Protein backbone atom coordinates (compact mmCIF):
# COMPACT_ATOMS: atom_id res chain seq x y z
CA UNK A 1 33.60 -12.40 11.00
CA UNK A 2 31.68 -9.41 12.37
CA UNK A 3 27.87 -9.84 12.24
CA UNK A 4 27.57 -6.32 10.83
CA UNK A 5 30.02 -7.19 8.04
CA UNK A 6 28.01 -10.36 7.34
CA UNK A 7 24.84 -8.26 7.19
CA UNK A 8 26.47 -5.86 4.72
CA UNK A 9 27.75 -8.70 2.54
CA UNK A 10 24.37 -10.43 2.55
CA UNK A 11 22.54 -7.22 1.69
CA UNK A 12 25.08 -6.39 -1.01
CA UNK A 13 24.71 -9.82 -2.65
CA UNK A 14 20.94 -9.46 -2.55
CA UNK A 15 20.99 -5.99 -4.14
CA UNK A 16 23.37 -7.16 -6.87
CA UNK A 17 21.03 -10.02 -7.73
CA UNK A 18 18.06 -7.63 -7.82
CA UNK A 19 20.04 -5.29 -10.10
CA UNK A 20 20.53 -8.29 -12.40
CA UNK A 21 16.73 -8.59 -12.58
CA UNK A 22 16.52 -11.64 -10.33
CA UNK A 23 13.07 -11.63 -8.63
CA UNK A 24 13.20 -10.06 -5.16
CA UNK A 25 12.07 -13.22 -3.38
CA UNK A 26 14.63 -15.38 -5.17
CA UNK A 27 17.40 -12.83 -4.51
CA UNK A 28 16.65 -12.81 -0.77
CA UNK A 29 16.51 -16.60 -0.57
CA UNK A 30 19.70 -17.16 -2.58
CA UNK A 31 21.74 -14.55 -0.71
CA UNK A 32 20.56 -15.80 2.68
CA UNK A 33 21.20 -19.46 1.89
CA UNK A 34 24.57 -18.81 0.24
CA UNK A 35 25.98 -16.86 3.17
CA UNK A 36 24.49 -19.19 5.76
CA UNK A 37 25.97 -22.10 3.83
CA UNK A 38 29.37 -20.41 3.80
CA UNK A 39 29.21 -20.03 7.57
CA UNK A 40 27.54 -23.26 8.68
CA UNK A 41 27.92 -25.59 5.72
CA UNK A 42 25.83 -26.44 2.67
CA UNK A 43 23.90 -29.29 4.33
CA UNK A 44 22.90 -27.10 7.29
CA UNK A 45 21.74 -24.34 4.94
CA UNK A 46 19.69 -26.64 2.73
CA UNK A 47 18.22 -28.31 5.81
CA UNK A 48 16.61 -25.02 6.83
CA UNK A 49 14.71 -24.67 3.55
CA UNK A 50 11.77 -27.04 4.13
CA UNK A 51 11.40 -25.98 7.77
CA UNK A 52 11.33 -22.25 6.98
CA UNK A 53 9.07 -22.69 3.96
CA UNK A 54 6.48 -24.59 5.99
CA UNK A 55 6.77 -22.09 8.83
CA UNK A 56 6.31 -19.10 6.53
CA UNK A 57 3.32 -20.57 4.67
CA UNK A 58 1.60 -21.77 7.84
CA UNK A 59 0.63 -18.25 8.88
CA UNK A 60 -3.17 -17.89 8.64
CA UNK A 61 -2.75 -14.20 7.79
CA UNK A 62 -1.38 -15.14 4.36
CA UNK A 63 -4.77 -16.53 3.36
CA UNK A 64 -6.28 -13.06 3.18
CA UNK A 65 -3.79 -11.82 0.57
CA UNK A 66 -5.27 -13.71 -2.43
CA UNK A 67 -8.75 -12.97 -1.07
CA UNK A 68 -8.18 -9.20 -0.99
CA UNK A 69 -6.53 -9.32 -4.42
CA UNK A 70 -9.50 -11.25 -5.78
CA UNK A 71 -11.97 -8.87 -4.16
CA UNK A 72 -10.21 -5.87 -5.72
CA UNK A 73 -10.21 -7.39 -9.20
CA UNK A 74 -13.88 -8.35 -8.98
CA UNK A 75 -14.85 -4.94 -7.59
CA UNK A 76 -13.11 -3.11 -10.42
CA UNK A 77 -14.82 -5.20 -13.10
CA UNK A 78 -18.18 -4.99 -11.34
CA UNK A 79 -18.04 -1.21 -11.60
CA UNK A 80 -17.85 -0.55 -7.87
CA UNK A 81 -14.97 1.88 -8.36
CA UNK A 82 -17.12 3.91 -10.77
CA UNK A 83 -19.96 3.95 -8.26
CA UNK A 84 -17.69 5.22 -5.48
CA UNK A 85 -16.32 7.99 -7.69
CA UNK A 86 -19.79 9.01 -8.90
CA UNK A 87 -20.96 9.52 -5.31
CA UNK A 88 -17.93 11.59 -4.39
CA UNK A 89 -18.23 13.69 -7.57
CA UNK A 90 -21.92 14.36 -7.00
CA UNK A 91 -21.37 15.55 -3.45
CA UNK A 92 -18.20 17.67 -3.79
CA UNK A 93 -17.75 18.09 -7.56
CA UNK A 94 -19.35 21.55 -7.52
CA UNK A 95 -16.51 22.98 -5.44
CA UNK A 96 -13.35 24.40 -6.95
CA UNK A 97 -11.09 21.35 -7.37
CA UNK A 98 -14.05 19.23 -6.33
CA UNK A 99 -13.51 16.46 -8.86
CA UNK A 100 -9.90 16.10 -7.72
CA UNK A 101 -11.15 15.86 -4.13
CA UNK A 102 -13.71 13.32 -5.30
CA UNK A 103 -10.90 11.33 -6.91
CA UNK A 104 -9.00 11.21 -3.61
CA UNK A 105 -12.17 10.12 -1.82
CA UNK A 106 -12.79 7.53 -4.51
CA UNK A 107 -9.25 6.21 -4.10
CA UNK A 108 -9.85 5.87 -0.36
CA UNK A 109 -13.08 3.99 -0.99
CA UNK A 110 -11.58 1.65 -3.56
CA UNK A 111 -8.53 1.17 -1.33
CA UNK A 112 -10.91 -0.25 1.26
CA UNK A 113 -11.76 -2.95 -1.27
CA UNK A 114 -8.45 -3.89 -2.90
CA UNK A 115 -5.59 -3.06 -0.50
CA UNK A 116 -3.18 -2.25 -3.36
CA UNK A 117 -1.72 1.14 -4.26
CA UNK A 118 -0.96 0.37 -7.89
CA UNK A 119 -4.35 -1.24 -8.50
CA UNK A 120 -6.07 1.79 -6.97
CA UNK A 121 -4.11 4.24 -9.15
CA UNK A 122 -4.78 2.28 -12.35
CA UNK A 123 -8.47 1.74 -11.64
CA UNK A 124 -9.24 5.31 -10.58
CA UNK A 125 -7.13 6.59 -13.48
CA UNK A 126 -9.48 4.87 -15.91
CA UNK A 127 -12.54 6.21 -14.10
CA UNK A 128 -11.59 9.73 -13.05
CA UNK A 129 -8.94 11.01 -15.47
CA UNK A 130 -11.19 11.32 -18.57
CA UNK A 131 -13.89 12.94 -16.43
CA UNK A 132 -11.58 15.62 -15.03
CA UNK A 133 -9.86 16.39 -18.33
CA UNK A 134 -13.19 16.68 -20.16
CA UNK A 135 -14.27 19.31 -17.62
CA UNK A 136 -11.25 21.51 -18.08
CA UNK A 137 -9.05 20.37 -15.19
CA UNK A 138 -5.34 20.84 -15.69
CA UNK A 139 -3.38 17.70 -16.46
CA UNK A 140 -1.12 18.39 -13.48
CA UNK A 141 -3.96 18.48 -10.97
CA UNK A 142 -5.89 15.58 -12.50
CA UNK A 143 -2.93 13.23 -12.80
CA UNK A 144 -1.42 14.32 -9.48
CA UNK A 145 -4.65 13.64 -7.60
CA UNK A 146 -4.86 10.12 -9.04
CA UNK A 147 -1.19 9.21 -8.51
CA UNK A 148 -1.20 10.51 -4.95
CA UNK A 149 -4.69 9.25 -4.15
CA UNK A 150 -3.64 5.80 -5.30
CA UNK A 151 -1.22 5.56 -2.38
CA UNK A 152 -4.24 5.42 -0.08
CA UNK A 153 -4.76 1.87 -1.31
CA UNK A 154 -2.18 0.53 1.17
CA UNK A 155 -2.97 2.84 4.11
CA UNK A 156 -6.76 2.60 4.18
CA UNK A 157 -7.52 -0.85 5.67
CA UNK A 158 -7.54 -3.57 4.56
CA UNK A 159 -3.97 -3.34 3.31
CA UNK A 160 -1.85 -6.10 1.80
CA UNK A 161 1.48 -4.62 3.02
CA UNK A 162 0.03 -4.45 6.53
CA UNK A 163 -0.85 -8.14 6.34
CA UNK A 164 2.69 -8.97 5.23
CA UNK A 165 4.17 -6.81 7.99
CA UNK A 166 2.02 -8.68 10.52
CA UNK A 167 3.26 -12.02 9.15
CA UNK A 168 6.92 -10.99 9.24
CA UNK A 169 6.80 -9.45 12.73
CA UNK A 170 4.19 -11.66 14.45
CA UNK A 171 1.84 -8.73 15.06
CA UNK A 172 -1.95 -8.96 15.15
CA UNK A 173 -3.09 -7.87 11.71
CA UNK A 174 -6.35 -6.36 12.97
CA UNK A 175 -4.36 -4.03 15.24
CA UNK A 176 -2.55 -2.72 12.16
CA UNK A 177 -5.83 -2.25 10.31
CA UNK A 178 -7.28 -0.29 13.23
CA UNK A 179 -4.10 1.79 13.54
CA UNK A 180 -4.34 2.75 9.86
CA UNK A 181 -7.86 4.21 10.07
CA UNK A 182 -7.14 7.67 11.51
CA UNK A 183 -3.88 8.23 9.57
CA UNK A 184 -5.73 7.23 6.40
CA UNK A 185 -8.60 9.65 7.04
CA UNK A 186 -6.15 12.38 8.01
CA UNK A 187 -4.27 11.81 4.76
CA UNK A 188 -7.51 12.21 2.77
CA UNK A 189 -8.17 15.48 4.63
CA UNK A 190 -4.63 16.78 4.03
CA UNK A 191 -4.87 15.94 0.32
CA UNK A 192 -8.13 17.87 0.22
CA UNK A 193 -6.41 20.87 1.79
CA UNK A 194 -3.57 20.60 -0.73
CA UNK A 195 -6.04 20.58 -3.64
CA UNK A 196 -7.89 23.54 -2.08
CA UNK A 197 -4.67 25.55 -1.92
CA UNK A 198 -3.65 24.66 -5.49
CA UNK A 199 -7.03 25.57 -6.97
CA UNK A 200 -7.22 28.86 -5.07
CA UNK A 201 -3.75 29.85 -6.25
CA UNK A 202 -4.69 28.80 -9.80
CA UNK A 203 -8.51 28.71 -10.22
CA UNK A 204 -8.20 27.46 -13.81
CA UNK A 205 -6.53 24.24 -12.59
CA UNK A 206 -9.81 22.93 -11.14
CA UNK A 207 -12.83 24.99 -12.16
CA UNK A 208 -16.04 24.84 -10.14
CA UNK A 209 -19.27 23.61 -11.72
CA UNK A 210 -22.95 23.84 -11.05
CA UNK A 211 -24.06 22.33 -7.77
CA UNK A 212 -25.79 18.96 -8.13
CA UNK A 213 -29.38 19.05 -6.76
CA UNK A 214 -29.95 17.14 -3.53
CA UNK A 215 -32.42 14.82 -5.22
CA UNK A 216 -29.80 13.77 -7.78
CA UNK A 217 -27.17 13.38 -5.05
CA UNK A 218 -29.40 10.96 -3.19
CA UNK A 219 -30.14 9.10 -6.41
CA UNK A 220 -26.42 8.66 -7.11
CA UNK A 221 -25.88 7.60 -3.52
CA UNK A 222 -28.63 5.02 -3.87
CA UNK A 223 -27.16 3.74 -7.15
CA UNK A 224 -23.89 3.07 -5.33
CA UNK A 225 -25.53 0.79 -2.76
CA UNK A 226 -23.47 -2.19 -3.90
CA UNK A 227 -20.10 -0.58 -3.15
CA UNK A 228 -21.42 0.92 0.08
CA UNK A 229 -22.85 -2.43 1.16
CA UNK A 230 -19.57 -4.30 0.56
CA UNK A 231 -17.40 -1.71 2.30
CA UNK A 232 -19.81 -1.39 5.23
CA UNK A 233 -20.17 -5.14 5.69
CA UNK A 234 -16.41 -5.77 5.55
CA UNK A 235 -15.45 -2.85 7.78
CA UNK A 236 -18.19 -3.16 10.39
CA UNK A 237 -17.97 -6.94 10.48
CA UNK A 238 -14.21 -6.79 10.88
CA UNK A 239 -13.97 -4.13 13.57
CA UNK A 240 -17.02 -5.23 15.53
CA UNK A 241 -15.56 -8.71 15.95
CA UNK A 242 -18.32 -10.46 14.00
CA UNK A 243 -15.80 -11.58 11.37
CA UNK A 244 -12.17 -12.56 11.58
CA UNK A 245 -9.93 -10.95 8.96
CA UNK A 246 -10.16 -14.08 6.80
CA UNK A 247 -13.94 -14.28 7.14
CA UNK A 248 -14.32 -10.59 6.27
CA UNK A 249 -12.17 -11.05 3.16
CA UNK A 250 -14.15 -14.16 2.15
CA UNK A 251 -17.43 -12.33 2.60
CA UNK A 252 -16.11 -9.45 0.51
CA UNK A 253 -15.12 -11.83 -2.30
CA UNK A 254 -18.54 -13.50 -2.23
CA UNK A 255 -20.37 -10.17 -2.37
CA UNK A 256 -18.24 -8.71 -5.16
CA UNK A 257 -18.57 -11.94 -7.13
CA UNK A 258 -22.38 -11.68 -6.96
CA UNK A 259 -22.24 -8.05 -8.11
CA UNK A 260 -19.84 -9.03 -10.89
CA UNK A 261 -22.38 -11.56 -12.19
CA UNK A 262 -25.20 -9.01 -11.96
CA UNK A 263 -23.23 -6.24 -13.71
CA UNK A 264 -21.32 -7.98 -16.50
CA UNK A 265 -22.93 -9.57 -19.58
CA UNK A 266 -23.15 -13.36 -19.37
CA UNK A 267 -21.16 -13.88 -22.55
CA UNK A 268 -18.15 -12.09 -21.00
CA UNK A 269 -18.12 -14.17 -17.80
CA UNK A 270 -15.73 -16.94 -18.93
CA UNK A 271 -13.02 -14.65 -20.30
CA UNK A 272 -13.34 -12.11 -17.50
CA UNK A 273 -13.21 -14.74 -14.77
CA UNK A 274 -10.20 -16.32 -16.44
CA UNK A 275 -8.43 -12.95 -16.54
CA UNK A 276 -9.31 -12.29 -12.90
CA UNK A 277 -8.05 -15.73 -11.83
CA UNK A 278 -4.76 -15.34 -13.73
CA UNK A 279 -4.24 -11.81 -12.41
CA UNK A 280 -4.90 -12.89 -8.82
CA UNK A 281 -2.71 -15.99 -9.11
CA UNK A 282 0.21 -14.04 -10.59
CA UNK A 283 0.11 -11.35 -7.91
CA UNK A 284 -0.34 -13.91 -5.13
CA UNK A 285 2.59 -15.99 -6.37
CA UNK A 286 4.80 -12.90 -6.54
CA UNK A 287 3.93 -11.88 -2.97
CA UNK A 288 4.27 -15.39 -1.55
CA UNK A 289 7.65 -15.81 -3.25
CA UNK A 290 8.85 -12.61 -1.56
CA UNK A 291 7.51 -13.77 1.82
CA UNK A 292 9.34 -17.10 1.45
CA UNK A 293 12.55 -15.36 0.41
CA UNK A 294 12.26 -13.01 3.38
CA UNK A 295 11.77 -15.96 5.74
CA UNK A 296 15.02 -17.58 4.55
CA UNK A 297 16.95 -14.31 4.65
CA UNK A 298 15.53 -13.53 8.10
CA UNK A 299 16.67 -16.95 9.34
CA UNK A 300 20.17 -16.19 8.09
CA UNK A 301 20.18 -12.84 9.92
CA UNK A 302 18.89 -14.43 13.13
CA UNK A 303 21.58 -17.11 13.12
CA UNK A 304 24.34 -14.54 12.61
CA UNK A 305 22.82 -12.24 15.30
CA UNK A 306 23.32 -9.31 12.93
CA UNK A 307 20.16 -7.40 14.03
CA UNK A 308 21.19 -7.54 17.69
CA UNK A 309 24.72 -6.42 16.78
CA UNK A 310 23.24 -3.51 14.82
CA UNK A 311 21.12 -2.49 17.82
CA UNK A 312 24.13 -2.65 20.12
CA UNK A 313 26.21 -0.58 17.71
CA UNK A 314 23.55 2.13 17.63
CA UNK A 315 23.31 2.14 21.42
CA UNK A 316 27.07 2.35 21.85
CA UNK A 317 27.17 5.28 19.43
CA UNK A 318 24.68 7.07 21.76
CA UNK A 319 22.61 8.21 18.83
CA UNK A 320 19.31 9.80 19.67
CA UNK A 321 16.48 7.37 18.79
CA UNK A 322 14.86 10.04 16.64
CA UNK A 323 18.07 10.44 14.64
CA UNK A 324 17.97 6.70 13.90
CA UNK A 325 14.28 7.02 13.09
CA UNK A 326 15.06 9.82 10.62
CA UNK A 327 17.72 7.68 8.93
CA UNK A 328 15.30 4.76 8.58
CA UNK A 329 12.53 7.00 7.23
CA UNK A 330 14.93 8.42 4.63
CA UNK A 331 15.88 4.86 3.70
CA UNK A 332 12.23 3.95 3.18
CA UNK A 333 11.69 7.04 1.09
CA UNK A 334 14.55 5.93 -1.15
CA UNK A 335 13.35 2.31 -1.22
CA UNK A 336 9.84 3.39 -2.11
CA UNK A 337 11.22 5.26 -5.11
CA UNK A 338 12.79 2.09 -6.49
CA UNK A 339 10.84 -0.93 -5.30
CA UNK A 340 7.23 -1.96 -5.13
CA UNK A 341 5.80 -1.22 -1.67
CA UNK A 342 5.62 -4.91 -0.77
CA UNK A 343 9.18 -5.55 -1.90
CA UNK A 344 10.51 -2.53 0.00
CA UNK A 345 8.84 -3.67 3.20
CA UNK A 346 9.98 -7.27 2.90
CA UNK A 347 13.56 -6.30 2.04
CA UNK A 348 14.05 -4.12 5.09
CA UNK A 349 11.87 -5.53 7.86
CA UNK A 350 14.35 -8.28 8.95
CA UNK A 351 16.84 -5.69 10.25
CA UNK A 352 14.76 -2.50 10.59
CA UNK A 353 12.08 -4.01 12.83
CA UNK A 354 14.38 -5.28 15.62
CA UNK A 355 16.32 -2.01 15.46
CA UNK A 356 13.29 0.24 15.81
CA UNK A 357 11.63 -1.84 18.53
CA UNK A 358 14.97 -2.12 20.33
CA UNK A 359 14.99 1.68 20.57
CA UNK A 360 11.61 1.63 22.30
CA UNK A 361 9.26 2.56 19.46
CA UNK A 362 5.84 0.90 19.25
CA UNK A 363 5.82 -1.88 16.59
CA UNK A 364 2.26 -1.09 15.45
CA UNK A 365 3.07 2.62 15.11
CA UNK A 366 6.22 1.72 13.18
CA UNK A 367 4.21 -0.44 10.79
CA UNK A 368 2.02 2.56 9.95
CA UNK A 369 5.03 4.87 9.60
CA UNK A 370 6.72 2.41 7.27
CA UNK A 371 3.61 2.18 5.06
CA UNK A 372 3.31 5.99 4.93
CA UNK A 373 6.96 6.43 3.93
CA UNK A 374 6.73 3.78 1.23
CA UNK A 375 3.61 5.53 -0.08
CA UNK A 376 5.54 8.78 -0.33
CA UNK A 377 8.29 6.99 -2.24
CA UNK A 378 5.71 5.77 -4.75
CA UNK A 379 5.11 9.34 -5.98
CA UNK A 380 8.58 10.81 -5.39
CA UNK A 381 10.87 11.66 -8.33
CA UNK A 382 12.77 10.32 -10.10
CA UNK A 383 11.30 6.82 -9.79
CA UNK A 384 7.80 7.00 -8.34
CA UNK A 385 6.07 3.72 -9.19
CA UNK A 386 2.53 5.15 -9.14
CA UNK A 387 3.60 7.97 -11.46
CA UNK A 388 5.03 5.54 -14.00
CA UNK A 389 1.99 3.27 -13.74
CA UNK A 390 -0.34 6.19 -14.39
CA UNK A 391 1.85 7.38 -17.26
CA UNK A 392 1.60 3.89 -18.76
CA UNK A 393 -2.19 4.11 -18.62
CA UNK A 394 -2.28 7.71 -19.97
CA UNK A 395 0.58 8.03 -22.46
CA UNK A 396 -0.52 11.49 -23.59
CA UNK A 397 0.38 12.97 -20.20
CA UNK A 398 4.16 13.48 -19.85
CA UNK A 399 5.96 12.18 -16.77
CA UNK A 400 7.12 15.67 -15.79
CA UNK A 401 3.51 16.84 -15.80
CA UNK A 402 2.48 14.09 -13.39
CA UNK A 403 5.49 14.79 -11.15
CA UNK A 404 4.53 18.47 -11.03
CA UNK A 405 1.04 17.44 -10.05
CA UNK A 406 2.19 15.43 -7.02
CA UNK A 407 4.21 18.26 -5.45
CA UNK A 408 1.31 19.56 -3.33
CA UNK A 409 0.25 16.04 -2.18
CA UNK A 410 3.88 15.34 -1.26
CA UNK A 411 3.91 18.39 1.01
CA UNK A 412 0.72 17.05 2.61
CA UNK A 413 2.38 13.65 3.07
CA UNK A 414 5.36 15.13 4.89
CA UNK A 415 2.97 17.06 7.14
CA UNK A 416 1.33 13.72 7.95
CA UNK A 417 4.72 12.17 8.79
CA UNK A 418 5.49 15.06 11.12
CA UNK A 419 2.13 14.71 12.85
CA UNK A 420 2.57 10.95 13.32
CA UNK A 421 6.01 11.47 14.86
CA UNK A 422 4.84 14.29 17.11
CA UNK A 423 1.57 12.59 18.03
CA UNK A 424 1.87 8.77 17.85
CA UNK A 425 -1.59 8.56 19.38
CA UNK A 426 -3.04 9.33 15.94
CA UNK A 427 -2.21 5.73 15.02
CA UNK A 428 -2.58 4.13 18.45
CA UNK A 429 -5.56 5.79 20.11
CA UNK A 430 -8.15 3.44 18.59
CA UNK A 431 -6.27 0.42 19.94
CA UNK A 432 -6.98 1.42 23.54
């Protein structure tokens, strides 16, 4: 049987299982094992399970996933997200659309603590949405800034999808973190430009307010010392080489735990810590299950040589590499509309990664491109996950209103994609 046909059958079985609401990780594992068993025998297929499970879980990079999840949960409950937003609002809130810009900056700051897009959107929605609406901002601009800004959670390092990509492709996770810095900052800038354009075309969407005195700005900045200290310690320690990724995550957890104890009333500690532990365990289990499922499915693909056959087919068709790149980017846009960012990455990496590297593209650059495209999918109609999550947290804002609000950020996102394709150095220059 043709390896490409086997790949199509395996992918089809997996998608059918997912459509039947089977968890993504289980669907990948079952489809991979079933087809491998059909080709090599049931005993051979089952014999791969313990080996691949141990191999997948032995990656030291996986340790940082529960640590970053825990740090994000603690930071949200310790009020660090509110502190970050207060600083941004005090410094740029007086400009037209300033609070929306502050929301984007706050999302970037909180993204540096939690590494999750959905968590960033939900947390900043609770903090920033009431503030903007109470000051006369349009629902479109307010909700759009939060939904789009939330996507920064997986581009601004540290990023959980980047860690998973590193595990699946044997890349150095710190290289991915470094590569995400400039694209992340550029995305913040482009979102700011988009908000500037929207508010100058429609000044009532984001009215300007009185400038905050410098003394008060410095006071707010000083009050946010906890968030600044955690972000600075994690980032500088990580990129200076003082900490490994795991040590930086551990230090971040320890610091946010201390601030949690200092901020929250003692009587709430037991229940809050229980909720944090359950939340972290559930999210960790979900991610680990997907990683294990991907490992088994990837083993099936490797044994059938389907990725290599796909690369050869593309080469024989003499397709321009950038045409193939465009097809893959469109696929990720579609996947991002349907699946969680982590699921989309895990589902496609086993065959997309060898194809893209086989065409000569840099694997680190591709990791950043993949994250950016999945981010775009998370706010793209008709099924943008961040939009639905924000709508769930703010039921009084219709879905169509939020989708209208993300149009300008989407234009900014596609500009970013074009810049990354035209100038790959944006992602790679800091690695040299």
